[in-house]
Amino acid sequence: MQNKIKLFIYTIIGVSLPFLIRTTLFEYTIRNTNSPYTTIYLHSLDLILALICVSLFWKTKRFPLSGSKIVDKLWITLFFWTFLQLLWVQHPLITWFWGLRFYLGISLIWYIRELGSFKQEISYIVKGFIIGMLGQALIVIMQVWFQRNIGLPVVIEPALSPEISGIAKVSILDNVIIRGYGTFPHPNILAFAGILALLLLYAKMFKKKLSIGIYVIALILAGAVDHYILTSIQVIVISVFTGLQLIYGKAVKFSPSFNVISILALHILIILSFSKLAFILLLSLDFIWLTLLIRKSLFHVEQFQSRLKSLSRLVFDISMVAGVIILWAFPYSQLIDTVIKRLIYMQDAFAMVQSNLWIGVGLGQYVSNLPDNREFWQYEPVHNVPLLLFAEIGAIGMLSLLLIIAVEWYTLQYGYKKQR
């Protein structure tokens, strides 16, 4: 009975992830500007991550990264370098805060990988997260339909209106409408969370190796065109839980009817976010799913016919039609403007890398090191995670990180025994 209560609590935590994702427990502005990238926000998710790590330490009586493997020593070296940057960075508190965040995330991964702890709890958190995303779909539908926020508390839902400056909008057939936010800080973050939730539902069909491969590709693509997988605590936490579930857990199981409802709701959520990258990932997921569905049913004609008439094919067809409509209605000028802005971000990033090649400007210090007298929209991180990391942790930090990635890949291929 006690175990069931504990698992129910973790399910509630998972459900609350999308809804408490904006909750700020503490806020401290470092620089005299309204940019969120020069402000420290202590979120409820930070507290959840810290409590989980403390409970795992209490349970195992072992400090994170205290193993004898090479990769553990490399992680310690990288974190030592990150905190060593406190000696010369412009705003040490930002670097310390973000360094602690990443340390907690890596610690959670280490506990589960090394000690096998918390795997069952992770699966219940992930199930709760998927349930919570259904609520997000309902909120998004109402936000786009009424073109405003639906009246949830400001700590949960952002204020939305086509007239509010800074709100993400899209122009369709000469009509400017707000993009779906749900309770997330930005539609792109909402859409990426939707993709991860959909991947968790498709994982049973995809099997483990394919699911992990798609997960890694999604992270790489998101990191190549935006920065939120590194700068958003919301995406960091959701990505960590999703990755742990795909790598160490079994496929998430719901009833067939709940799966159908969830898949439909997530498709609507992603489409109404109007995120171009998420839409490409959505079509790719549906294409792979339908391909596997057809291959699985080729030798059973009746089963094949019934499956083609199933909701999976309908979902795919709806997505394709919606994609054609959106691409036809989406003005190319808006797309060109987006590309130009990203090129300007990259110019600033290259200049920052050249001036701080080896030691970097410090973790989380990118925006605070941008030159003054810029337009407001330019005060945000470059939309490319590798370039952003290079600017912040320098060549020394990047070499350490690449070595960690190489060792981790080698470990996945050949096991731990050969890398001792």
Protein backbone atom coordinates (compact mmCIF):
# COMPACT_ATOMS: atom_id res chain seq x y z
CA MET A 1 0.00 0.00 0.00
CA GLN A 2 2.82 2.37 0.88
CA ASN A 3 4.51 1.64 -2.46
CA LYS A 4 1.27 2.39 -4.37
CA ILE A 5 0.91 5.72 -2.57
CA LYS A 6 4.52 6.59 -3.45
CA LEU A 7 3.98 5.74 -7.12
CA PHE A 8 0.75 7.77 -7.15
CA ILE A 9 2.67 10.77 -5.80
CA TYR A 10 5.24 10.42 -8.60
CA THR A 11 2.41 10.26 -11.15
CA ILE A 12 1.00 13.51 -9.75
CA ILE A 13 4.50 15.04 -10.04
CA GLY A 14 4.54 14.02 -13.70
CA VAL A 15 1.09 15.49 -14.32
CA SER A 16 2.15 18.74 -12.69
CA LEU A 17 5.32 19.12 -14.81
CA PRO A 18 3.57 20.94 -17.70
CA PHE A 19 1.28 22.98 -15.41
CA LEU A 20 3.82 24.17 -12.84
CA ILE A 21 6.47 24.68 -15.48
CA ARG A 22 6.34 28.48 -15.18
CA THR A 23 6.13 28.60 -11.40
CA THR A 24 8.93 30.83 -10.07
CA LEU A 25 9.88 30.45 -6.43
CA PHE A 26 12.62 33.08 -6.50
CA GLU A 27 13.76 35.73 -8.99
CA TYR A 28 16.92 37.80 -9.03
CA THR A 29 17.86 40.22 -11.82
CA ILE A 30 21.59 40.40 -12.50
CA ARG A 31 21.61 43.13 -15.11
CA ASN A 32 19.40 46.19 -15.52
CA THR A 33 17.40 44.78 -18.43
CA ASN A 34 14.14 42.92 -18.92
CA SER A 35 15.80 39.96 -20.62
CA PRO A 36 15.04 36.66 -18.85
CA TYR A 37 18.53 35.45 -19.77
CA THR A 38 20.15 37.87 -17.33
CA THR A 39 17.81 36.92 -14.49
CA ILE A 40 18.03 33.93 -12.17
CA TYR A 41 14.74 32.08 -11.83
CA LEU A 42 14.41 29.37 -9.21
CA HIS A 43 11.58 27.21 -10.56
CA SER A 44 9.53 24.51 -8.90
CA LEU A 45 11.28 22.10 -11.28
CA ASP A 46 14.63 23.00 -9.71
CA LEU A 47 13.23 22.04 -6.33
CA ILE A 48 11.83 18.74 -7.67
CA LEU A 49 15.19 17.87 -9.25
CA ALA A 50 17.06 18.71 -6.05
CA LEU A 51 14.67 16.70 -3.84
CA ILE A 52 14.95 13.64 -6.08
CA CYS A 53 18.77 13.79 -6.01
CA VAL A 54 18.79 14.23 -2.22
CA SER A 55 16.45 11.25 -1.79
CA LEU A 56 18.68 9.10 -4.04
CA PHE A 57 21.75 10.13 -2.05
CA TRP A 58 19.94 9.27 1.19
CA LYS A 59 18.91 5.91 -0.23
CA THR A 60 22.28 4.91 -1.71
CA LYS A 61 24.66 6.76 0.64
CA ARG A 62 26.82 7.61 -2.38
CA PHE A 63 27.76 10.97 -3.86
CA PRO A 64 27.06 11.54 -7.56
CA LEU A 65 29.90 10.72 -9.98
CA SER A 66 31.76 8.87 -7.22
CA GLY A 67 32.40 5.80 -9.37
CA SER A 68 35.76 4.65 -10.68
CA LYS A 69 34.88 4.82 -14.38
CA ILE A 70 36.73 7.14 -16.73
CA VAL A 71 33.57 8.95 -17.72
CA ASP A 72 32.83 9.84 -14.07
CA LYS A 73 36.26 11.43 -13.75
CA LEU A 74 35.73 13.33 -16.99
CA TRP A 75 32.40 14.72 -15.76
CA ILE A 76 34.05 15.84 -12.53
CA THR A 77 36.78 17.54 -14.58
CA LEU A 78 34.20 19.38 -16.69
CA PHE A 79 32.24 20.56 -13.64
CA PHE A 80 35.49 21.63 -11.97
CA TRP A 81 36.28 23.74 -15.04
CA THR A 82 32.76 25.20 -15.05
CA PHE A 83 32.99 26.31 -11.43
CA LEU A 84 36.60 27.47 -11.94
CA GLN A 85 35.15 30.03 -14.36
CA LEU A 86 33.66 31.80 -11.32
CA LEU A 87 37.08 33.42 -10.87
CA TRP A 88 36.81 35.54 -14.02
CA VAL A 89 33.20 35.65 -15.24
CA GLN A 90 31.25 38.90 -15.24
CA HIS A 91 28.36 37.60 -13.10
CA PRO A 92 29.52 34.60 -11.00
CA LEU A 93 26.06 33.94 -9.54
CA ILE A 94 24.64 33.02 -12.97
CA THR A 95 27.45 30.56 -13.70
CA TRP A 96 27.15 28.99 -10.24
CA PHE A 97 23.36 28.65 -10.60
CA TRP A 98 23.43 27.04 -14.05
CA GLY A 99 26.38 24.85 -13.11
CA LEU A 100 24.40 23.53 -10.15
CA ARG A 101 21.40 22.85 -12.40
CA PHE A 102 23.43 20.75 -14.81
CA TYR A 103 25.15 18.98 -11.94
CA LEU A 104 21.76 17.91 -10.56
CA GLY A 105 20.64 16.69 -13.98
CA ILE A 106 23.80 14.65 -14.57
CA SER A 107 23.60 13.35 -10.99
CA LEU A 108 20.10 11.99 -11.60
CA ILE A 109 21.28 10.23 -14.76
CA TRP A 110 24.28 8.78 -12.89
CA TYR A 111 22.20 7.38 -10.02
CA ILE A 112 19.84 5.59 -12.38
CA ARG A 113 22.53 4.31 -14.74
CA GLU A 114 24.99 3.15 -12.10
CA LEU A 115 22.76 1.97 -9.26
CA GLY A 116 19.49 1.07 -10.97
CA SER A 117 17.60 3.26 -8.52
CA PHE A 118 14.43 5.15 -9.32
CA LYS A 119 13.62 3.39 -12.64
CA GLN A 120 10.05 2.49 -11.64
CA GLU A 121 9.41 5.98 -10.29
CA ILE A 122 10.65 7.52 -13.57
CA SER A 123 8.08 5.49 -15.54
CA TYR A 124 5.26 6.86 -13.37
CA ILE A 125 6.55 10.43 -13.71
CA VAL A 126 6.59 9.96 -17.50
CA LYS A 127 3.05 8.56 -17.50
CA GLY A 128 1.91 11.55 -15.50
CA PHE A 129 3.70 13.86 -17.93
CA ILE A 130 1.78 12.39 -20.88
CA ILE A 131 -1.51 12.84 -19.00
CA GLY A 132 -0.54 16.43 -18.23
CA MET A 133 0.10 17.09 -21.93
CA LEU A 134 -3.53 16.19 -22.66
CA GLY A 135 -4.53 19.10 -20.45
CA GLN A 136 -2.07 21.25 -22.38
CA ALA A 137 -3.80 20.33 -25.64
CA LEU A 138 -7.15 21.56 -24.29
CA ILE A 139 -5.59 24.84 -23.13
CA VAL A 140 -3.86 25.35 -26.50
CA ILE A 141 -7.09 24.80 -28.43
CA MET A 142 -8.90 27.42 -26.33
CA GLN A 143 -6.00 29.89 -26.54
CA VAL A 144 -5.87 29.73 -30.33
CA TRP A 145 -9.68 29.75 -30.70
CA PHE A 146 -10.25 32.77 -28.41
CA GLN A 147 -6.88 34.43 -29.22
CA ARG A 148 -6.09 35.12 -25.58
CA ASN A 149 -5.12 33.34 -22.39
CA ILE A 150 -7.98 31.43 -20.80
CA GLY A 151 -7.65 32.99 -17.35
CA LEU A 152 -5.39 30.64 -15.41
CA PRO A 153 -3.17 32.26 -12.72
CA VAL A 154 -0.26 34.23 -14.14
CA VAL A 155 2.27 31.90 -12.46
CA ILE A 156 0.83 29.09 -14.61
CA GLU A 157 -0.34 30.68 -17.86
CA PRO A 158 1.28 33.62 -19.70
CA ALA A 159 -0.79 36.66 -20.69
CA LEU A 160 -1.63 36.30 -24.37
CA SER A 161 -3.06 38.62 -27.01
CA PRO A 162 -2.20 39.51 -30.64
CA GLU A 163 -1.68 43.11 -29.45
CA ILE A 164 0.94 42.23 -26.82
CA SER A 165 4.50 42.87 -28.00
CA GLY A 166 6.85 39.91 -27.66
CA ILE A 167 4.11 37.26 -27.92
CA ALA A 168 4.86 34.64 -30.60
CA LYS A 169 2.47 35.07 -33.52
CA VAL A 170 2.03 33.69 -37.01
CA SER A 171 0.52 35.33 -40.09
CA ILE A 172 -1.85 33.07 -42.01
CA LEU A 173 -3.78 34.42 -45.00
CA ASP A 174 -2.95 37.97 -43.87
CA ASN A 175 -4.40 37.30 -40.40
CA VAL A 176 -2.04 37.60 -37.43
CA ILE A 177 -2.87 35.05 -34.72
CA ILE A 178 -1.09 34.00 -31.55
CA ARG A 179 0.59 30.63 -31.46
CA GLY A 180 -0.44 28.09 -28.84
CA TYR A 181 1.50 28.44 -25.59
CA GLY A 182 -0.34 26.20 -23.16
CA THR A 183 1.33 26.94 -19.84
CA PHE A 184 4.83 26.93 -21.36
CA PRO A 185 7.16 29.94 -21.73
CA HIS A 186 7.20 29.66 -25.55
CA PRO A 187 5.36 27.69 -28.28
CA ASN A 188 8.61 26.06 -29.45
CA ILE A 189 9.17 24.62 -25.97
CA LEU A 190 5.54 23.42 -25.86
CA ALA A 191 5.93 21.77 -29.27
CA PHE A 192 9.17 20.03 -28.29
CA ALA A 193 7.53 18.70 -25.12
CA GLY A 194 4.70 17.42 -27.33
CA ILE A 195 7.19 15.63 -29.59
CA LEU A 196 8.82 13.94 -26.59
CA ALA A 197 5.43 12.85 -25.22
CA LEU A 198 4.46 11.44 -28.64
CA LEU A 199 7.77 9.59 -28.89
CA LEU A 200 7.10 7.99 -25.50
CA LEU A 201 3.75 6.73 -26.82
CA TYR A 202 5.29 5.46 -30.07
CA ALA A 203 8.20 3.76 -28.26
CA LYS A 204 6.34 0.44 -27.98
CA MET A 205 6.07 0.25 -31.78
CA PHE A 206 9.55 1.67 -32.44
CA LYS A 207 11.41 -0.57 -29.97
CA LYS A 208 14.28 0.65 -27.79
CA LYS A 209 17.13 1.23 -30.27
CA LEU A 210 15.02 3.15 -32.81
CA SER A 211 13.33 5.20 -30.06
CA ILE A 212 16.68 6.23 -28.59
CA GLY A 213 17.99 7.09 -32.05
CA ILE A 214 15.01 9.33 -32.80
CA TYR A 215 15.33 10.94 -29.37
CA VAL A 216 18.99 11.78 -29.98
CA ILE A 217 18.25 13.12 -33.49
CA ALA A 218 15.44 15.29 -32.10
CA LEU A 219 17.82 16.77 -29.50
CA ILE A 220 20.49 17.40 -32.15
CA LEU A 221 18.05 19.11 -34.53
CA ALA A 222 16.55 21.22 -31.76
CA GLY A 223 20.02 22.22 -30.63
CA ALA A 224 21.04 23.14 -34.17
CA VAL A 225 18.22 25.67 -34.74
CA ASP A 226 17.40 26.92 -31.23
CA HIS A 227 18.84 27.20 -27.73
CA TYR A 228 16.04 26.08 -25.40
CA ILE A 229 17.38 22.54 -24.78
CA LEU A 230 20.28 24.23 -22.98
CA THR A 231 18.75 27.45 -21.58
CA SER A 232 15.30 26.24 -20.45
CA ILE A 233 15.06 24.29 -17.18
CA GLN A 234 11.69 23.03 -18.41
CA VAL A 235 13.18 21.37 -21.50
CA ILE A 236 16.20 20.11 -19.55
CA VAL A 237 14.05 18.30 -16.96
CA ILE A 238 11.57 16.87 -19.47
CA SER A 239 14.39 15.75 -21.80
CA VAL A 240 16.23 14.04 -18.94
CA PHE A 241 13.14 12.14 -17.79
CA THR A 242 12.27 11.16 -21.38
CA GLY A 243 15.79 9.94 -22.11
CA LEU A 244 15.99 7.93 -18.89
CA GLN A 245 12.65 6.28 -19.64
CA LEU A 246 13.62 5.39 -23.23
CA ILE A 247 17.06 4.06 -22.28
CA TYR A 248 16.41 2.28 -18.97
CA GLY A 249 12.66 1.78 -18.76
CA LYS A 250 10.07 -0.33 -20.53
CA ALA A 251 7.66 1.13 -23.07
CA VAL A 252 4.90 3.22 -21.52
CA LYS A 253 1.59 1.34 -21.57
CA PHE A 254 -1.91 2.80 -21.57
CA SER A 255 -5.25 1.42 -22.71
CA PRO A 256 -5.79 1.45 -26.52
CA SER A 257 -8.50 4.11 -26.26
CA PHE A 258 -6.30 6.38 -24.13
CA ASN A 259 -3.46 5.95 -26.64
CA VAL A 260 -5.76 7.04 -29.47
CA ILE A 261 -6.96 10.11 -27.58
CA SER A 262 -3.42 11.04 -26.52
CA ILE A 263 -1.97 10.73 -30.01
CA LEU A 264 -4.75 12.86 -31.51
CA ALA A 265 -4.43 15.51 -28.78
CA LEU A 266 -0.64 15.73 -29.16
CA HIS A 267 -0.97 16.15 -32.93
CA ILE A 268 -3.36 19.06 -32.43
CA LEU A 269 -1.08 20.60 -29.80
CA ILE A 270 1.99 20.44 -32.05
CA ILE A 271 0.17 21.81 -35.10
CA LEU A 272 -1.30 24.74 -33.15
CA SER A 273 2.14 25.64 -31.79
CA PHE A 274 3.16 26.47 -35.38
CA SER A 275 6.71 25.30 -34.66
CA LYS A 276 8.38 24.49 -37.99
CA LEU A 277 10.96 22.10 -36.53
CA ALA A 278 8.38 20.31 -34.39
CA PHE A 279 6.14 19.88 -37.40
CA ILE A 280 8.96 18.27 -39.39
CA LEU A 281 9.65 15.92 -36.46
CA LEU A 282 5.93 15.15 -36.21
CA LEU A 283 5.68 14.13 -39.86
CA SER A 284 8.85 12.04 -39.49
CA LEU A 285 7.47 10.21 -36.44
CA ASP A 286 4.18 9.49 -38.21
CA PHE A 287 5.95 8.30 -41.35
CA ILE A 288 8.17 5.89 -39.38
CA TRP A 289 5.19 4.67 -37.36
CA LEU A 290 3.09 4.03 -40.46
CA THR A 291 5.99 2.29 -42.21
CA LEU A 292 6.48 -0.07 -39.26
CA LEU A 293 2.73 -0.63 -39.10
CA ILE A 294 2.59 -1.69 -42.74
CA ARG A 295 5.67 -3.94 -42.48
CA LYS A 296 4.24 -5.61 -39.40
CA SER A 297 0.96 -6.39 -41.13
CA LEU A 298 2.15 -7.40 -44.63
CA PHE A 299 1.60 -11.11 -44.08
CA HIS A 300 -1.85 -10.71 -42.50
CA VAL A 301 -4.19 -9.26 -45.10
CA GLU A 302 -7.20 -8.75 -42.84
CA GLN A 303 -5.09 -7.25 -40.08
CA PHE A 304 -3.35 -5.06 -42.65
CA GLN A 305 -6.66 -3.73 -43.98
CA SER A 306 -8.04 -3.02 -40.54
CA ARG A 307 -4.88 -1.28 -39.43
CA LEU A 308 -4.88 0.96 -42.49
CA LYS A 309 -8.37 2.05 -41.51
CA SER A 310 -7.25 2.70 -37.97
CA LEU A 311 -6.71 6.05 -36.38
CA SER A 312 -2.95 5.87 -36.96
CA ARG A 313 -3.44 6.32 -40.72
CA LEU A 314 -6.03 9.02 -40.12
CA VAL A 315 -3.62 10.90 -37.87
CA PHE A 316 -0.92 10.70 -40.51
CA ASP A 317 -3.23 11.92 -43.29
CA ILE A 318 -4.49 14.82 -41.17
CA SER A 319 -0.91 15.85 -40.40
CA MET A 320 0.06 15.76 -44.08
CA VAL A 321 -2.95 17.85 -45.12
CA ALA A 322 -2.34 20.33 -42.31
CA GLY A 323 1.31 20.56 -43.34
CA VAL A 324 0.41 21.41 -46.93
CA ILE A 325 -2.08 24.06 -45.76
CA ILE A 326 0.35 25.66 -43.32
CA LEU A 327 3.23 25.71 -45.81
CA TRP A 328 0.93 27.22 -48.45
CA ALA A 329 -0.47 29.86 -46.11
CA PHE A 330 2.78 30.68 -44.31
CA PRO A 331 4.37 33.82 -45.80
CA TYR A 332 7.90 33.25 -47.00
CA SER A 333 8.88 36.75 -45.84
CA GLN A 334 8.35 35.70 -42.22
CA LEU A 335 10.57 32.66 -42.74
CA ILE A 336 13.28 34.80 -44.33
CA ASP A 337 13.11 37.23 -41.41
CA THR A 338 13.62 34.33 -38.99
CA VAL A 339 16.70 33.13 -40.91
CA ILE A 340 18.20 36.65 -41.00
CA LYS A 341 17.80 37.03 -37.24
CA ARG A 342 19.51 33.70 -36.61
CA LEU A 343 22.43 34.73 -38.82
CA ILE A 344 22.83 37.92 -36.76
CA TYR A 345 22.84 35.82 -33.56
CA MET A 346 25.57 33.63 -35.05
CA GLN A 347 27.73 36.64 -35.96
CA ASP A 348 27.65 37.77 -32.32
CA ALA A 349 28.47 34.24 -31.18
CA PHE A 350 31.50 33.90 -33.49
CA ALA A 351 32.80 37.27 -32.29
CA MET A 352 32.42 36.16 -28.66
CA VAL A 353 34.21 32.87 -29.36
CA GLN A 354 37.12 34.66 -31.03
CA SER A 355 37.60 37.03 -28.10
CA ASN A 356 37.34 34.27 -25.44
CA LEU A 357 38.52 31.25 -27.39
CA TRP A 358 40.00 29.04 -24.66
CA ILE A 359 38.31 30.01 -21.41
CA GLY A 360 34.87 31.19 -22.60
CA VAL A 361 32.68 33.87 -21.05
CA GLY A 362 31.21 31.53 -18.43
CA LEU A 363 28.21 29.23 -18.29
CA GLY A 364 25.00 31.26 -18.64
CA GLN A 365 26.97 34.46 -19.34
CA TYR A 366 26.32 34.77 -23.09
CA VAL A 367 23.59 37.44 -23.07
CA SER A 368 25.22 39.53 -20.34
CA ASN A 369 28.38 39.72 -22.49
CA LEU A 370 26.63 41.03 -25.60
CA PRO A 371 27.52 44.63 -26.56
CA ASP A 372 25.25 47.47 -25.47
CA ASN A 373 23.08 49.57 -27.77
CA ARG A 374 21.47 46.57 -29.46
CA GLU A 375 17.83 46.08 -30.32
CA PHE A 376 15.91 44.25 -27.60
CA TRP A 377 15.33 41.10 -29.67
CA GLN A 378 19.10 40.64 -30.06
CA TYR A 379 19.57 40.11 -26.32
CA GLU A 380 19.08 36.35 -26.29
CA PRO A 381 21.36 33.34 -26.79
CA VAL A 382 22.48 32.25 -30.25
CA HIS A 383 20.05 29.72 -31.70
CA ASN A 384 22.65 26.97 -31.88
CA VAL A 385 23.59 24.95 -28.80
CA PRO A 386 27.15 23.85 -29.83
CA LEU A 387 28.06 27.44 -30.70
CA LEU A 388 26.46 28.71 -27.49
CA LEU A 389 28.40 26.19 -25.40
CA PHE A 390 31.63 27.04 -27.23
CA ALA A 391 31.15 30.73 -26.39
CA GLU A 392 30.36 30.00 -22.72
CA ILE A 393 32.72 27.20 -21.66
CA GLY A 394 35.47 27.86 -24.22
CA ALA A 395 37.66 25.43 -26.15
CA ILE A 396 38.89 23.77 -22.93
CA GLY A 397 35.34 22.98 -21.82
CA MET A 398 34.26 21.89 -25.31
CA LEU A 399 37.21 19.50 -25.64
CA SER A 400 36.28 17.97 -22.28
CA LEU A 401 32.65 17.62 -23.35
CA LEU A 402 33.55 16.03 -26.70
CA LEU A 403 35.80 13.56 -24.87
CA ILE A 404 32.90 12.65 -22.57
CA ILE A 405 30.62 12.11 -25.57
CA ALA A 406 33.26 9.90 -27.23
CA VAL A 407 33.71 7.78 -24.09
CA GLU A 408 29.95 7.48 -23.59
CA TRP A 409 29.52 6.35 -27.20
CA TYR A 410 32.34 3.82 -26.82
CA THR A 411 30.71 2.56 -23.62
CA LEU A 412 27.35 2.06 -25.32
CA GLN A 413 29.06 0.12 -28.10
CA TYR A 414 31.46 -2.07 -26.11
CA GLY A 415 30.48 -1.87 -22.45
CA TYR A 416 32.18 -0.47 -19.36
CA LYS A 417 34.80 -3.14 -18.89
CA LYS A 418 36.91 -2.04 -21.86
CA GLN A 419 37.04 1.63 -20.83
CA ARG A 420 38.43 1.15 -17.34
